[in-house]
Amino acid sequence: MILPVTFFINASGLFDFDLTFPTEALLFLILAGVTTFVFLTPVGKQMEERSEFINYTLRKSTILLTLGYEKLTTSVSLLTEEIEELNRQVKLVKNYTNSKFEEEISFVQTENTKILSELKGDLAIQSAYVLLNIAPEVTLVIDKYLKKRFEAMES
């Protein structure tokens, strides 16, 4: 094969290579280079910047969420401790008030018993006095009644 004949004269074989193939290859490489450096490189830079921004925001959000979760966990544990302490204090107050209430009830019952016994004594004395003073009057009334009754029977 002779180089000038191969590249400049068209032979009608199955695999004929003339200047068209290297020209097409060179045009493809130029077009690929222009497309890559003119169109794809700026888009790639934008995508990398966006990716870095998203990764930064994601890391920042993860850190903030972790801190927030830690603070929330701490707050929940503090609130739980405070609730337990308040429940303990409520039980103490209930026990104290119940014991004081029982003491007051027993004191009032003792005082009521004393007052009732004094009233019973006073009532007994007054009823005895009334009965002693009423006996002559009742006898007088009975005598008058019986006298009228017998007078009514005789007539």
Protein backbone atom coordinates (compact mmCIF):
# COMPACT_ATOMS: atom_id res chain seq x y z
CA MET A 1 0.00 0.00 0.00
CA ILE A 2 1.20 3.38 -0.91
CA LEU A 3 0.38 6.21 1.43
CA PRO A 4 -0.64 8.83 -1.19
CA VAL A 5 -2.78 6.35 -3.01
CA THR A 6 -4.46 5.23 0.17
CA PHE A 7 -5.39 8.69 1.42
CA PHE A 8 -6.17 10.55 -1.79
CA ILE A 9 -7.65 8.06 -4.17
CA ASN A 10 -10.91 6.34 -3.37
CA ALA A 11 -10.69 2.62 -3.75
CA SER A 12 -13.87 0.73 -3.35
CA GLY A 13 -12.86 -1.77 -0.69
CA LEU A 14 -14.62 -2.73 2.47
CA PHE A 15 -12.30 -0.81 4.81
CA ASP A 16 -11.06 2.15 2.84
CA PHE A 17 -9.34 4.84 4.84
CA ASP A 18 -8.81 8.18 3.23
CA LEU A 19 -8.43 11.67 4.73
CA THR A 20 -12.06 11.70 5.81
CA PHE A 21 -11.47 9.41 8.78
CA PRO A 22 -8.62 11.44 10.35
CA THR A 23 -10.52 14.65 9.57
CA GLU A 24 -13.67 13.30 11.28
CA ALA A 25 -11.58 12.12 14.23
CA LEU A 26 -9.90 15.54 14.52
CA LEU A 27 -13.28 17.34 14.31
CA PHE A 28 -14.71 15.00 16.95
CA LEU A 29 -11.78 15.71 19.30
CA ILE A 30 -12.11 19.49 18.73
CA LEU A 31 -15.88 19.39 19.28
CA ALA A 32 -15.45 17.23 22.41
CA GLY A 33 -12.80 19.63 23.76
CA VAL A 34 -14.91 22.72 23.06
CA THR A 35 -18.02 21.11 24.56
CA THR A 36 -16.11 19.98 27.63
CA PHE A 37 -14.24 23.23 28.33
CA VAL A 38 -16.86 25.76 27.19
CA PHE A 39 -20.13 24.14 28.30
CA LEU A 40 -19.49 21.34 30.79
CA THR A 41 -16.70 22.85 32.92
CA PRO A 42 -18.79 25.85 34.18
CA VAL A 43 -21.75 23.57 34.86
CA GLY A 44 -19.44 21.13 36.68
CA LYS A 45 -18.04 23.98 38.78
CA GLN A 46 -21.57 25.13 39.65
CA MET A 47 -22.52 21.56 40.57
CA GLU A 48 -19.41 21.18 42.75
CA GLU A 49 -20.13 24.50 44.51
CA ARG A 50 -23.74 23.46 45.04
CA SER A 51 -22.63 20.07 46.30
CA GLU A 52 -20.18 21.70 48.75
CA PHE A 53 -22.92 24.09 49.95
CA ILE A 54 -25.36 21.20 50.43
CA ASN A 55 -22.74 19.14 52.28
CA TYR A 56 -21.86 22.13 54.49
CA THR A 57 -25.52 22.79 55.24
CA LEU A 58 -26.08 19.10 55.94
CA ARG A 59 -23.11 18.95 58.35
CA LYS A 60 -24.27 22.16 60.04
CA SER A 61 -27.83 20.83 60.33
CA THR A 62 -26.55 17.52 61.72
CA ILE A 63 -24.49 19.34 64.34
CA LEU A 64 -27.41 21.60 65.29
CA LEU A 65 -29.80 18.65 65.46
CA THR A 66 -27.34 16.74 67.64
CA LEU A 67 -26.97 19.71 69.99
CA GLY A 68 -30.73 20.21 70.03
CA TYR A 69 -31.28 16.54 70.82
CA GLU A 70 -28.74 16.68 73.64
CA LYS A 71 -30.41 19.80 75.09
CA LEU A 72 -33.84 18.19 74.73
CA THR A 73 -32.61 15.03 76.46
CA THR A 74 -31.10 17.11 79.26
CA SER A 75 -34.31 19.13 79.61
CA VAL A 76 -36.45 16.00 79.71
CA SER A 77 -34.24 14.43 82.38
CA LEU A 78 -34.32 17.64 84.45
CA LEU A 79 -38.11 17.86 84.13
CA THR A 80 -38.43 14.20 85.11
CA GLU A 81 -36.30 14.80 88.20
CA GLU A 82 -38.35 17.88 89.11
CA ILE A 83 -41.61 15.98 88.68
CA GLU A 84 -40.33 13.18 90.90
CA GLU A 85 -39.25 15.73 93.53
CA LEU A 86 -42.64 17.49 93.37
CA ASN A 87 -44.43 14.14 93.74
CA ARG A 88 -42.26 13.35 96.76
CA GLN A 89 -43.07 16.73 98.31
CA VAL A 90 -46.79 16.28 97.62
CA LYS A 91 -46.69 12.91 99.42
CA LEU A 92 -44.90 14.50 102.36
CA VAL A 93 -47.44 17.32 102.55
CA LYS A 94 -50.34 14.84 102.31
CA ASN A 95 -48.88 12.73 105.10
CA TYR A 96 -48.26 15.79 107.25
CA THR A 97 -51.73 17.24 106.68
CA ASN A 98 -53.37 13.86 107.25
CA SER A 99 -51.56 13.45 110.57
CA LYS A 100 -52.39 17.02 111.60
CA PHE A 101 -56.00 16.54 110.53
CA GLU A 102 -56.26 13.34 112.57
CA GLU A 103 -54.76 15.14 115.57
CA GLU A 104 -57.28 17.97 115.17
CA ILE A 105 -60.16 15.51 114.85
CA SER A 106 -59.10 13.69 118.01
CA PHE A 107 -58.71 17.03 119.84
CA VAL A 108 -62.18 18.18 118.70
CA GLN A 109 -63.68 14.83 119.72
CA THR A 110 -62.08 15.15 123.16
CA GLU A 111 -63.40 18.70 123.53
CA ASN A 112 -66.87 17.61 122.35
CA THR A 113 -66.86 14.80 124.90
CA LYS A 114 -65.94 17.26 127.66
CA ILE A 115 -68.64 19.73 126.57
CA LEU A 116 -71.26 16.97 126.29
CA SER A 117 -70.42 15.62 129.73
CA GLU A 118 -70.69 19.12 131.18
CA LEU A 119 -74.01 19.64 129.37
CA LYS A 120 -75.30 16.29 130.65
CA GLY A 121 -74.38 17.27 134.20
CA ASP A 122 -76.02 20.68 133.81
CA LEU A 123 -79.10 19.10 132.23
CA ALA A 124 -79.36 16.56 135.03
CA ILE A 125 -79.14 19.30 137.64
CA GLN A 126 -81.69 21.50 135.84
CA SER A 127 -84.09 18.61 135.28
CA ALA A 128 -83.82 17.66 138.97
CA TYR A 129 -84.49 21.29 139.93
CA VAL A 130 -87.45 21.49 137.54
CA LEU A 131 -88.85 18.21 138.84
CA LEU A 132 -88.44 19.35 142.45
CA ASN A 133 -90.17 22.66 141.75
CA ILE A 134 -92.88 21.21 139.57
CA ALA A 135 -93.97 18.47 141.95
CA PRO A 136 -96.18 20.70 144.19
CA GLU A 137 -97.76 22.39 141.15
CA VAL A 138 -98.45 19.03 139.46
CA THR A 139 -99.99 17.75 142.70
CA LEU A 140 -102.17 20.85 142.90
CA VAL A 141 -103.32 20.43 139.26
CA ILE A 142 -104.02 16.72 139.79
CA ASP A 143 -105.99 17.48 142.93
CA LYS A 144 -108.11 20.05 141.09
CA TYR A 145 -108.72 17.65 138.20
CA LEU A 146 -109.69 14.79 140.44
CA LYS A 147 -111.92 17.05 142.54
CA LYS A 148 -113.81 18.22 139.43
CA ARG A 149 -114.05 14.70 138.17
CA PHE A 150 -115.53 13.38 141.40
CA GLU A 151 -117.90 16.32 141.56
CA ALA A 152 -119.02 15.55 138.02
CA MET A 153 -119.57 11.91 138.90
CA GLU A 154 -121.67 12.74 141.97
CA SER A 155 -124.01 14.95 140.16
